N, C-alpha and C. Protein backbone atom coordinates (compact mmCIF):
# COMPACT_ATOMS: atom_id res chain seq x y z
N UNK A 1 -15.50 1.59 3.10
CA UNK A 1 -14.41 0.66 3.09
C UNK A 1 -14.03 0.34 1.64
N UNK A 2 -12.74 0.31 1.36
CA UNK A 2 -12.29 0.00 0.01
C UNK A 2 -12.51 -1.47 -0.30
N UNK A 3 -12.51 -1.78 -1.58
CA UNK A 3 -12.67 -3.16 -2.01
C UNK A 3 -11.55 -4.03 -1.46
N UNK A 4 -10.32 -3.50 -1.48
CA UNK A 4 -9.15 -4.24 -0.96
C UNK A 4 -9.32 -4.51 0.53
N UNK A 5 -9.74 -3.49 1.27
CA UNK A 5 -9.96 -3.63 2.72
C UNK A 5 -11.01 -4.70 2.99
N UNK A 6 -12.11 -4.63 2.27
CA UNK A 6 -13.21 -5.58 2.46
C UNK A 6 -12.75 -7.00 2.17
N UNK A 7 -12.02 -7.16 1.07
CA UNK A 7 -11.55 -8.50 0.67
C UNK A 7 -10.56 -9.06 1.71
N UNK A 8 -9.56 -8.28 2.07
CA UNK A 8 -8.57 -8.75 3.04
C UNK A 8 -9.23 -9.07 4.39
N UNK A 9 -10.13 -8.21 4.81
CA UNK A 9 -10.80 -8.39 6.10
C UNK A 9 -11.61 -9.69 6.11
N UNK A 10 -12.36 -9.94 5.03
CA UNK A 10 -13.18 -11.15 4.95
C UNK A 10 -12.30 -12.40 4.97
N UNK A 11 -11.18 -12.34 4.26
CA UNK A 11 -10.27 -13.50 4.23
C UNK A 11 -9.65 -13.74 5.61
N UNK A 12 -9.23 -12.67 6.29
CA UNK A 12 -8.63 -12.84 7.62
C UNK A 12 -9.66 -13.39 8.60
N UNK A 13 -10.85 -12.83 8.60
CA UNK A 13 -11.87 -13.28 9.54
C UNK A 13 -12.21 -14.75 9.26
N UNK A 14 -12.28 -15.12 7.99
CA UNK A 14 -12.50 -16.53 7.65
C UNK A 14 -11.36 -17.39 8.17
N UNK A 15 -10.14 -16.92 8.01
CA UNK A 15 -8.97 -17.65 8.50
C UNK A 15 -8.97 -17.77 10.01
N UNK A 16 -9.35 -16.68 10.69
CA UNK A 16 -9.41 -16.74 12.16
C UNK A 16 -10.49 -17.71 12.62
N UNK A 17 -11.49 -17.91 11.77
CA UNK A 17 -12.56 -18.86 12.08
C UNK A 17 -12.20 -20.30 11.76
N UNK A 18 -10.98 -20.52 11.25
CA UNK A 18 -10.52 -21.88 11.00
C UNK A 18 -10.49 -22.29 9.54
N UNK A 19 -10.85 -21.39 8.62
CA UNK A 19 -10.83 -21.71 7.19
C UNK A 19 -9.41 -21.52 6.67
N UNK A 20 -8.70 -22.63 6.48
CA UNK A 20 -7.30 -22.57 6.05
C UNK A 20 -7.15 -21.94 4.67
N UNK A 21 -8.07 -22.24 3.75
CA UNK A 21 -7.99 -21.68 2.40
C UNK A 21 -8.12 -20.15 2.45
N UNK A 22 -9.02 -19.65 3.29
CA UNK A 22 -9.19 -18.20 3.43
C UNK A 22 -7.92 -17.56 3.99
N UNK A 23 -7.33 -18.22 4.99
CA UNK A 23 -6.13 -17.66 5.60
C UNK A 23 -4.97 -17.66 4.61
N UNK A 24 -4.84 -18.74 3.83
CA UNK A 24 -3.79 -18.81 2.81
C UNK A 24 -4.00 -17.69 1.78
N UNK A 25 -5.23 -17.50 1.33
CA UNK A 25 -5.55 -16.44 0.36
C UNK A 25 -5.28 -15.06 0.99
N UNK A 26 -5.59 -14.91 2.27
CA UNK A 26 -5.31 -13.65 2.97
C UNK A 26 -3.82 -13.33 2.92
N UNK A 27 -2.99 -14.31 3.29
CA UNK A 27 -1.54 -14.08 3.30
C UNK A 27 -1.01 -13.78 1.90
N UNK A 28 -1.53 -14.47 0.90
CA UNK A 28 -1.08 -14.24 -0.47
C UNK A 28 -1.46 -12.83 -0.93
N UNK A 29 -2.72 -12.44 -0.71
CA UNK A 29 -3.16 -11.10 -1.10
C UNK A 29 -2.46 -10.01 -0.29
N UNK A 30 -2.26 -10.31 0.99
CA UNK A 30 -1.58 -9.34 1.85
C UNK A 30 -0.14 -9.13 1.39
N UNK A 31 0.54 -10.19 0.98
CA UNK A 31 1.92 -10.02 0.54
C UNK A 31 1.99 -9.11 -0.68
N UNK A 32 1.04 -9.22 -1.61
CA UNK A 32 1.00 -8.33 -2.77
C UNK A 32 0.77 -6.89 -2.32
N UNK A 33 -0.17 -6.71 -1.41
CA UNK A 33 -0.48 -5.37 -0.89
C UNK A 33 0.75 -4.78 -0.19
N UNK A 34 1.41 -5.58 0.64
CA UNK A 34 2.57 -5.09 1.39
C UNK A 34 3.73 -4.72 0.46
N UNK A 35 3.93 -5.50 -0.60
CA UNK A 35 5.01 -5.17 -1.55
C UNK A 35 4.82 -3.76 -2.10
N UNK A 36 3.61 -3.45 -2.50
CA UNK A 36 3.34 -2.10 -3.02
C UNK A 36 3.52 -1.04 -1.94
N UNK A 37 2.99 -1.31 -0.76
CA UNK A 37 3.09 -0.37 0.36
C UNK A 37 4.55 -0.09 0.72
N UNK A 38 5.36 -1.16 0.80
CA UNK A 38 6.74 -1.01 1.23
C UNK A 38 7.66 -0.56 0.10
N UNK A 39 7.34 -0.91 -1.13
CA UNK A 39 8.16 -0.49 -2.27
C UNK A 39 8.23 1.03 -2.34
N UNK A 40 7.12 1.68 -2.06
CA UNK A 40 7.08 3.15 -2.07
C UNK A 40 7.96 3.71 -0.96
N UNK A 41 7.92 3.10 0.19
CA UNK A 41 8.66 3.60 1.34
C UNK A 41 10.14 3.22 1.32
N UNK A 42 10.48 2.22 0.55
CA UNK A 42 11.87 1.76 0.47
C UNK A 42 12.42 1.94 -0.95
N UNK A 43 12.04 3.03 -1.59
CA UNK A 43 12.48 3.26 -2.97
C UNK A 43 14.01 3.28 -3.07
N UNK A 44 14.67 3.75 -2.04
CA UNK A 44 16.14 3.82 -2.05
C UNK A 44 16.77 2.51 -1.58
N UNK A 45 15.96 1.58 -1.08
CA UNK A 45 16.47 0.30 -0.58
C UNK A 45 15.66 -0.86 -1.16
N UNK A 46 15.57 -0.96 -2.48
CA UNK A 46 14.68 -1.97 -3.08
C UNK A 46 15.03 -3.41 -2.71
N UNK A 47 16.29 -3.66 -2.39
CA UNK A 47 16.69 -5.03 -2.04
C UNK A 47 16.12 -5.47 -0.70
N UNK A 48 15.67 -4.54 0.12
CA UNK A 48 15.14 -4.87 1.44
C UNK A 48 13.64 -5.08 1.45
N UNK A 49 12.96 -4.79 0.34
CA UNK A 49 11.50 -4.86 0.30
C UNK A 49 11.01 -6.27 0.63
N UNK A 50 11.53 -7.27 -0.07
CA UNK A 50 11.02 -8.63 0.11
C UNK A 50 11.26 -9.14 1.53
N UNK A 51 12.44 -8.83 2.10
CA UNK A 51 12.71 -9.24 3.48
C UNK A 51 11.71 -8.60 4.44
N UNK A 52 11.43 -7.33 4.21
CA UNK A 52 10.49 -6.62 5.08
C UNK A 52 9.06 -7.13 4.90
N UNK A 53 8.70 -7.50 3.68
CA UNK A 53 7.38 -8.11 3.45
C UNK A 53 7.27 -9.39 4.29
N UNK A 54 8.29 -10.22 4.23
CA UNK A 54 8.26 -11.49 4.98
C UNK A 54 8.23 -11.25 6.49
N UNK A 55 9.02 -10.30 6.97
CA UNK A 55 8.99 -9.98 8.40
C UNK A 55 7.61 -9.49 8.83
N UNK A 56 7.00 -8.66 7.99
CA UNK A 56 5.68 -8.12 8.31
C UNK A 56 4.63 -9.22 8.29
N UNK A 57 4.69 -10.11 7.29
CA UNK A 57 3.74 -11.24 7.24
C UNK A 57 3.87 -12.10 8.49
N UNK A 58 5.09 -12.35 8.91
CA UNK A 58 5.30 -13.16 10.12
C UNK A 58 4.74 -12.45 11.36
N UNK A 59 4.96 -11.14 11.44
CA UNK A 59 4.42 -10.38 12.58
C UNK A 59 2.90 -10.38 12.57
N UNK A 60 2.29 -10.20 11.38
CA UNK A 60 0.83 -10.24 11.27
C UNK A 60 0.32 -11.61 11.70
N UNK A 61 0.99 -12.66 11.24
CA UNK A 61 0.59 -14.03 11.62
C UNK A 61 0.68 -14.21 13.14
N UNK A 62 1.78 -13.78 13.71
CA UNK A 62 1.97 -13.96 15.16
C UNK A 62 1.03 -13.11 16.00
N UNK A 63 0.59 -11.98 15.46
CA UNK A 63 -0.27 -11.07 16.22
C UNK A 63 -1.72 -11.08 15.75
N UNK A 64 -2.08 -12.03 14.89
CA UNK A 64 -3.43 -12.04 14.32
C UNK A 64 -4.52 -12.08 15.38
N UNK A 65 -4.21 -12.67 16.53
CA UNK A 65 -5.21 -12.75 17.61
C UNK A 65 -5.50 -11.38 18.23
N UNK A 66 -4.65 -10.38 17.96
CA UNK A 66 -4.87 -9.05 18.53
C UNK A 66 -5.72 -8.16 17.63
N UNK A 67 -6.02 -8.62 16.40
CA UNK A 67 -6.81 -7.79 15.49
C UNK A 67 -8.24 -7.65 16.01
N UNK A 68 -8.70 -6.41 16.05
CA UNK A 68 -10.06 -6.10 16.46
C UNK A 68 -10.91 -5.93 15.21
N UNK A 69 -11.84 -6.87 14.93
CA UNK A 69 -12.64 -6.80 13.70
C UNK A 69 -13.46 -5.52 13.57
N UNK A 70 -13.60 -4.76 14.63
CA UNK A 70 -14.33 -3.50 14.57
C UNK A 70 -13.48 -2.35 14.03
N UNK A 71 -12.20 -2.60 13.84
CA UNK A 71 -11.28 -1.57 13.36
C UNK A 71 -10.83 -1.88 11.93
N UNK A 72 -10.40 -0.87 11.18
CA UNK A 72 -9.92 -1.11 9.81
C UNK A 72 -8.69 -2.02 9.81
N UNK A 73 -8.72 -3.03 8.98
CA UNK A 73 -7.64 -4.00 8.92
C UNK A 73 -6.36 -3.39 8.36
N UNK A 74 -6.47 -2.62 7.28
CA UNK A 74 -5.25 -2.10 6.67
C UNK A 74 -4.53 -1.12 7.60
N UNK A 75 -5.24 -0.40 8.43
CA UNK A 75 -4.58 0.50 9.40
C UNK A 75 -3.75 -0.33 10.38
N UNK A 76 -4.31 -1.46 10.83
CA UNK A 76 -3.61 -2.36 11.75
C UNK A 76 -2.37 -2.94 11.07
N UNK A 77 -2.52 -3.38 9.84
CA UNK A 77 -1.41 -3.98 9.08
C UNK A 77 -0.34 -2.93 8.79
N UNK A 78 -0.76 -1.74 8.38
CA UNK A 78 0.21 -0.69 8.08
C UNK A 78 0.99 -0.28 9.32
N UNK A 79 0.35 -0.30 10.48
CA UNK A 79 1.07 0.02 11.72
C UNK A 79 2.16 -1.03 11.96
N UNK A 80 1.83 -2.29 11.77
CA UNK A 80 2.83 -3.36 11.94
C UNK A 80 3.96 -3.16 10.93
N UNK A 81 3.61 -2.89 9.67
CA UNK A 81 4.63 -2.69 8.63
C UNK A 81 5.53 -1.50 8.95
N UNK A 82 4.94 -0.44 9.50
CA UNK A 82 5.76 0.73 9.86
C UNK A 82 6.74 0.40 10.98
N UNK A 83 6.29 -0.38 11.97
CA UNK A 83 7.21 -0.80 13.04
C UNK A 83 8.36 -1.61 12.47
N UNK A 84 8.05 -2.50 11.54
CA UNK A 84 9.10 -3.32 10.92
C UNK A 84 10.04 -2.44 10.10
N UNK A 85 9.50 -1.41 9.44
CA UNK A 85 10.32 -0.48 8.68
C UNK A 85 11.26 0.29 9.60
N UNK A 86 10.74 0.75 10.72
CA UNK A 86 11.57 1.46 11.69
C UNK A 86 12.68 0.54 12.19
N UNK A 87 12.34 -0.70 12.50
CA UNK A 87 13.35 -1.66 12.94
C UNK A 87 14.44 -1.83 11.89
N UNK A 88 14.04 -1.96 10.63
CA UNK A 88 15.00 -2.11 9.54
C UNK A 88 15.92 -0.89 9.46
N UNK A 89 15.33 0.28 9.52
CA UNK A 89 16.13 1.50 9.42
C UNK A 89 17.07 1.65 10.60
N UNK A 90 16.63 1.25 11.78
CA UNK A 90 17.52 1.29 12.95
C UNK A 90 18.69 0.32 12.77
N UNK A 91 18.39 -0.89 12.29
CA UNK A 91 19.47 -1.86 12.06
C UNK A 91 20.46 -1.33 11.03
N UNK A 92 19.94 -0.76 9.94
CA UNK A 92 20.81 -0.23 8.89
C UNK A 92 21.62 0.95 9.42
N UNK A 93 20.98 1.80 10.19
CA UNK A 93 21.69 2.96 10.72
C UNK A 93 22.82 2.52 11.64
N UNK A 94 22.57 1.50 12.45
CA UNK A 94 23.61 0.99 13.34
C UNK A 94 24.78 0.40 12.59
N UNK A 95 24.50 -0.30 11.48
CA UNK A 95 25.57 -0.93 10.69
C UNK A 95 26.29 0.08 9.82
N UNK A 96 25.56 1.08 9.35
CA UNK A 96 26.13 1.96 8.34
C UNK A 96 26.36 3.38 8.83
N UNK A 97 26.41 3.57 10.13
CA UNK A 97 26.55 4.91 10.68
C UNK A 97 27.80 5.61 10.16
N UNK A 98 28.85 4.86 9.85
CA UNK A 98 30.07 5.48 9.35
C UNK A 98 30.02 5.74 7.85
N UNK A 99 29.07 5.12 7.15
CA UNK A 99 29.02 5.24 5.69
C UNK A 99 27.95 6.19 5.18
N UNK A 100 26.79 6.17 5.79
CA UNK A 100 25.67 6.97 5.31
C UNK A 100 25.20 7.93 6.39
N UNK A 101 24.92 9.17 6.01
CA UNK A 101 24.35 10.08 7.02
C UNK A 101 22.98 9.56 7.46
N UNK A 102 22.74 9.60 8.74
CA UNK A 102 21.50 9.10 9.31
C UNK A 102 20.29 9.84 8.76
N UNK A 103 20.45 11.13 8.48
CA UNK A 103 19.34 11.93 7.97
C UNK A 103 18.74 11.35 6.70
N UNK A 104 19.57 10.86 5.80
CA UNK A 104 19.07 10.34 4.55
C UNK A 104 18.27 9.07 4.76
N UNK A 105 18.71 8.20 5.64
CA UNK A 105 18.01 6.95 5.88
C UNK A 105 16.67 7.17 6.56
N UNK A 106 16.57 8.19 7.39
CA UNK A 106 15.35 8.40 8.16
C UNK A 106 14.47 9.48 7.55
N UNK A 107 14.62 9.74 6.28
CA UNK A 107 13.81 10.74 5.61
C UNK A 107 12.33 10.37 5.65
N UNK A 108 12.03 9.09 5.84
CA UNK A 108 10.65 8.65 5.92
C UNK A 108 9.91 9.36 7.06
N UNK A 109 10.67 9.83 8.07
CA UNK A 109 10.05 10.49 9.21
C UNK A 109 9.89 11.99 9.01
N UNK A 110 10.32 12.51 7.87
CA UNK A 110 10.27 13.94 7.64
C UNK A 110 8.84 14.44 7.45
N UNK A 111 7.93 13.57 7.06
CA UNK A 111 6.55 13.96 6.82
C UNK A 111 5.69 13.48 7.99
N UNK A 112 4.88 14.34 8.51
CA UNK A 112 4.04 13.96 9.64
C UNK A 112 2.90 13.08 9.17
N UNK A 113 2.30 12.35 10.11
CA UNK A 113 1.14 11.53 9.79
C UNK A 113 -0.01 12.38 9.27
N UNK A 114 -0.13 13.60 9.79
CA UNK A 114 -1.21 14.47 9.34
C UNK A 114 -1.04 14.83 7.87
N UNK A 115 0.21 15.10 7.45
CA UNK A 115 0.46 15.42 6.04
C UNK A 115 0.10 14.24 5.17
N UNK A 116 0.49 13.05 5.58
CA UNK A 116 0.20 11.84 4.80
C UNK A 116 -1.31 11.61 4.75
N UNK A 117 -1.99 11.79 5.86
CA UNK A 117 -3.44 11.59 5.90
C UNK A 117 -4.14 12.62 5.02
N UNK A 118 -3.66 13.87 5.07
CA UNK A 118 -4.23 14.92 4.21
C UNK A 118 -4.02 14.58 2.74
N UNK A 119 -2.83 14.11 2.41
CA UNK A 119 -2.54 13.76 1.01
C UNK A 119 -3.42 12.60 0.55
N UNK A 120 -3.59 11.58 1.41
CA UNK A 120 -4.46 10.44 1.05
C UNK A 120 -5.90 10.91 0.84
N UNK A 121 -6.36 11.79 1.72
CA UNK A 121 -7.72 12.30 1.60
C UNK A 121 -7.89 13.08 0.30
N UNK A 122 -6.92 13.97 0.01
CA UNK A 122 -6.99 14.77 -1.21
C UNK A 122 -6.92 13.89 -2.45
N UNK A 123 -6.04 12.91 -2.43
CA UNK A 123 -5.93 12.00 -3.57
C UNK A 123 -7.22 11.21 -3.72
N UNK A 124 -7.80 10.77 -2.61
CA UNK A 124 -9.07 10.05 -2.67
C UNK A 124 -10.16 10.88 -3.30
N UNK A 125 -10.23 12.17 -2.95
CA UNK A 125 -11.24 13.06 -3.53
C UNK A 125 -11.02 13.24 -5.03
N UNK A 126 -9.77 13.37 -5.43
CA UNK A 126 -9.47 13.50 -6.85
C UNK A 126 -9.82 12.22 -7.61
N UNK A 127 -9.45 11.08 -7.03
CA UNK A 127 -9.72 9.81 -7.69
C UNK A 127 -11.22 9.55 -7.83
N UNK A 128 -12.00 10.00 -6.85
CA UNK A 128 -13.46 9.82 -6.92
C UNK A 128 -14.06 10.50 -8.15
N UNK A 129 -13.38 11.50 -8.67
CA UNK A 129 -13.89 12.23 -9.82
C UNK A 129 -13.63 11.50 -11.15
N UNK A 130 -12.80 10.47 -11.10
CA UNK A 130 -12.47 9.73 -12.32
C UNK A 130 -13.45 8.57 -12.52
N UNK A 131 -13.69 8.21 -13.77
CA UNK A 131 -14.51 7.02 -14.02
C UNK A 131 -13.75 5.76 -13.59
N UNK A 132 -14.48 4.68 -13.29
CA UNK A 132 -13.87 3.43 -12.83
C UNK A 132 -12.77 2.94 -13.75
N UNK A 133 -12.94 3.07 -15.05
CA UNK A 133 -11.96 2.54 -16.01
C UNK A 133 -10.62 3.26 -15.91
N UNK A 134 -10.59 4.43 -15.28
CA UNK A 134 -9.34 5.15 -15.04
C UNK A 134 -8.91 5.04 -13.57
N UNK A 135 -9.89 5.18 -12.68
CA UNK A 135 -9.58 5.16 -11.25
C UNK A 135 -9.05 3.81 -10.78
N UNK A 136 -9.73 2.73 -11.14
CA UNK A 136 -9.33 1.40 -10.64
C UNK A 136 -7.92 0.98 -11.07
N UNK A 137 -7.55 1.18 -12.36
CA UNK A 137 -6.16 0.83 -12.71
C UNK A 137 -5.12 1.65 -11.94
N UNK A 138 -5.41 2.92 -11.70
CA UNK A 138 -4.46 3.75 -10.94
C UNK A 138 -4.36 3.24 -9.51
N UNK A 139 -5.49 2.97 -8.88
CA UNK A 139 -5.48 2.49 -7.50
C UNK A 139 -4.69 1.18 -7.41
N UNK A 140 -5.00 0.24 -8.29
CA UNK A 140 -4.35 -1.07 -8.22
C UNK A 140 -2.86 -1.01 -8.55
N UNK A 141 -2.50 -0.29 -9.60
CA UNK A 141 -1.10 -0.30 -10.03
C UNK A 141 -0.24 0.72 -9.28
N UNK A 142 -0.72 1.93 -9.15
CA UNK A 142 0.12 2.99 -8.60
C UNK A 142 0.06 3.07 -7.08
N UNK A 143 -1.07 2.72 -6.48
CA UNK A 143 -1.19 2.83 -5.03
C UNK A 143 -0.97 1.49 -4.33
N UNK A 144 -1.45 0.41 -4.93
CA UNK A 144 -1.31 -0.90 -4.30
C UNK A 144 -0.11 -1.67 -4.82
N UNK A 145 0.50 -1.21 -5.91
CA UNK A 145 1.71 -1.83 -6.42
C UNK A 145 1.51 -3.10 -7.23
N UNK A 146 0.29 -3.31 -7.75
CA UNK A 146 0.05 -4.51 -8.54
C UNK A 146 0.66 -4.35 -9.93
N UNK A 147 0.98 -5.46 -10.56
CA UNK A 147 1.45 -5.44 -11.94
C UNK A 147 0.27 -5.19 -12.87
N UNK A 148 0.56 -4.99 -14.15
CA UNK A 148 -0.50 -4.78 -15.14
C UNK A 148 -1.41 -6.00 -15.17
N UNK A 149 -0.80 -7.20 -15.19
CA UNK A 149 -1.60 -8.43 -15.26
C UNK A 149 -2.47 -8.58 -14.01
N UNK A 150 -1.91 -8.29 -12.83
CA UNK A 150 -2.69 -8.41 -11.59
C UNK A 150 -3.83 -7.39 -11.57
N UNK A 151 -3.55 -6.17 -12.02
CA UNK A 151 -4.59 -5.13 -12.07
C UNK A 151 -5.68 -5.52 -13.06
N UNK A 152 -5.29 -6.12 -14.17
CA UNK A 152 -6.28 -6.56 -15.16
C UNK A 152 -7.20 -7.62 -14.56
N UNK A 153 -6.62 -8.57 -13.84
CA UNK A 153 -7.45 -9.60 -13.19
C UNK A 153 -8.37 -8.98 -12.13
N UNK A 154 -7.84 -8.05 -11.36
CA UNK A 154 -8.62 -7.44 -10.28
C UNK A 154 -9.79 -6.60 -10.81
N UNK A 155 -9.59 -5.98 -11.98
CA UNK A 155 -10.63 -5.10 -12.52
C UNK A 155 -11.51 -5.76 -13.57
N UNK A 156 -11.05 -6.90 -14.08
CA UNK A 156 -11.79 -7.55 -15.17
C UNK A 156 -11.56 -6.88 -16.51
N UNK A 157 -10.55 -6.02 -16.58
CA UNK A 157 -10.22 -5.32 -17.82
C UNK A 157 -9.08 -6.06 -18.52
N UNK A 158 -8.88 -5.78 -19.79
CA UNK A 158 -7.72 -6.33 -20.49
C UNK A 158 -6.48 -5.57 -20.03
N UNK A 159 -5.30 -6.18 -20.25
CA UNK A 159 -4.06 -5.50 -19.86
C UNK A 159 -3.90 -4.20 -20.62
N UNK A 160 -4.26 -4.21 -21.90
CA UNK A 160 -4.16 -2.98 -22.70
C UNK A 160 -5.08 -1.89 -22.14
N UNK A 161 -6.29 -2.29 -21.74
CA UNK A 161 -7.24 -1.32 -21.19
C UNK A 161 -6.73 -0.76 -19.86
N UNK A 162 -6.06 -1.60 -19.07
CA UNK A 162 -5.49 -1.13 -17.80
C UNK A 162 -4.41 -0.08 -18.07
N UNK A 163 -3.53 -0.36 -19.04
CA UNK A 163 -2.47 0.60 -19.37
C UNK A 163 -3.06 1.92 -19.86
N UNK A 164 -4.06 1.83 -20.73
CA UNK A 164 -4.71 3.03 -21.24
C UNK A 164 -5.40 3.77 -20.09
N UNK A 165 -6.06 3.02 -19.21
CA UNK A 165 -6.74 3.63 -18.07
C UNK A 165 -5.79 4.39 -17.16
N UNK A 166 -4.61 3.81 -16.90
CA UNK A 166 -3.62 4.50 -16.07
C UNK A 166 -3.15 5.77 -16.77
N UNK A 167 -2.81 5.65 -18.04
CA UNK A 167 -2.31 6.80 -18.79
C UNK A 167 -3.34 7.94 -18.82
N UNK A 168 -4.56 7.60 -19.20
CA UNK A 168 -5.61 8.63 -19.29
C UNK A 168 -5.99 9.16 -17.91
N UNK A 169 -6.00 8.27 -16.92
CA UNK A 169 -6.35 8.69 -15.57
C UNK A 169 -5.33 9.65 -14.99
N UNK A 170 -4.04 9.37 -15.22
CA UNK A 170 -3.00 10.27 -14.71
C UNK A 170 -3.08 11.63 -15.40
N UNK A 171 -3.38 11.63 -16.70
CA UNK A 171 -3.56 12.90 -17.41
C UNK A 171 -4.75 13.67 -16.83
N UNK A 172 -5.83 12.95 -16.55
CA UNK A 172 -7.02 13.58 -15.98
C UNK A 172 -6.73 14.12 -14.58
N UNK A 173 -5.98 13.35 -13.77
CA UNK A 173 -5.62 13.83 -12.43
C UNK A 173 -4.77 15.09 -12.52
N UNK A 174 -3.81 15.11 -13.43
CA UNK A 174 -2.97 16.30 -13.60
C UNK A 174 -3.82 17.50 -13.96
N UNK A 175 -4.80 17.30 -14.85
CA UNK A 175 -5.68 18.40 -15.23
C UNK A 175 -6.52 18.87 -14.04
N UNK A 176 -7.01 17.93 -13.23
CA UNK A 176 -7.79 18.30 -12.04
C UNK A 176 -6.93 19.09 -11.05
N UNK A 177 -5.70 18.68 -10.89
CA UNK A 177 -4.80 19.38 -9.95
C UNK A 177 -4.52 20.79 -10.46
N UNK A 178 -4.23 20.91 -11.76
CA UNK A 178 -4.01 22.25 -12.34
C UNK A 178 -5.23 23.12 -12.16
N UNK A 179 -6.41 22.55 -12.39
CA UNK A 179 -7.66 23.29 -12.26
C UNK A 179 -7.85 23.77 -10.82
N UNK A 180 -7.57 22.88 -9.86
CA UNK A 180 -7.69 23.25 -8.44
C UNK A 180 -6.70 24.34 -8.07
N UNK A 181 -5.46 24.26 -8.60
CA UNK A 181 -4.46 25.28 -8.30
C UNK A 181 -4.86 26.64 -8.87
N UNK A 182 -5.46 26.62 -10.07
CA UNK A 182 -5.88 27.88 -10.69
C UNK A 182 -7.04 28.51 -9.95
N UNK A 183 -7.87 27.70 -9.31
CA UNK A 183 -9.03 28.21 -8.59
C UNK A 183 -8.70 28.72 -7.21
N UNK A 184 -7.46 28.57 -6.77
CA UNK A 184 -7.09 29.04 -5.42
C UNK A 184 -6.72 30.47 -5.42
């Protein structure tokens, strides 16, 4: 389980147990996580990210009683976020059918879940090869969408060290990918 998964799960379970501070912290941390998750998927619609974050938070709140603590929390949350994303795209397609080709709006569906899962697995294997000072800043900033300051707080590193870690880590990842391609 990732550190983010563990943290969010503990906060939600505490909140479900009646700890208001845990639940408030869960929603705050979840909103940061969702912004990064949705920003990637709504790159062409950046103005809709915050609305979708709020809709997803509300859906998570309303459906929190359905969460099974035996299952991964982020998978449950991402499923809810994807449903909200589909709803948004359907609403936009209905309003803008005369202006935008539907194919462009629904490009998010062009990649199968298997391709995405394979890519996540491959990226995870590559990231495991990096030292923490490079891997953690990349995970926090590039995958979770945190700012430099937020990533610095999460890792205990200085902001400058986070920036250097991302830069060096991305160079190292590129070298690993080239090496893997040459070995095929």
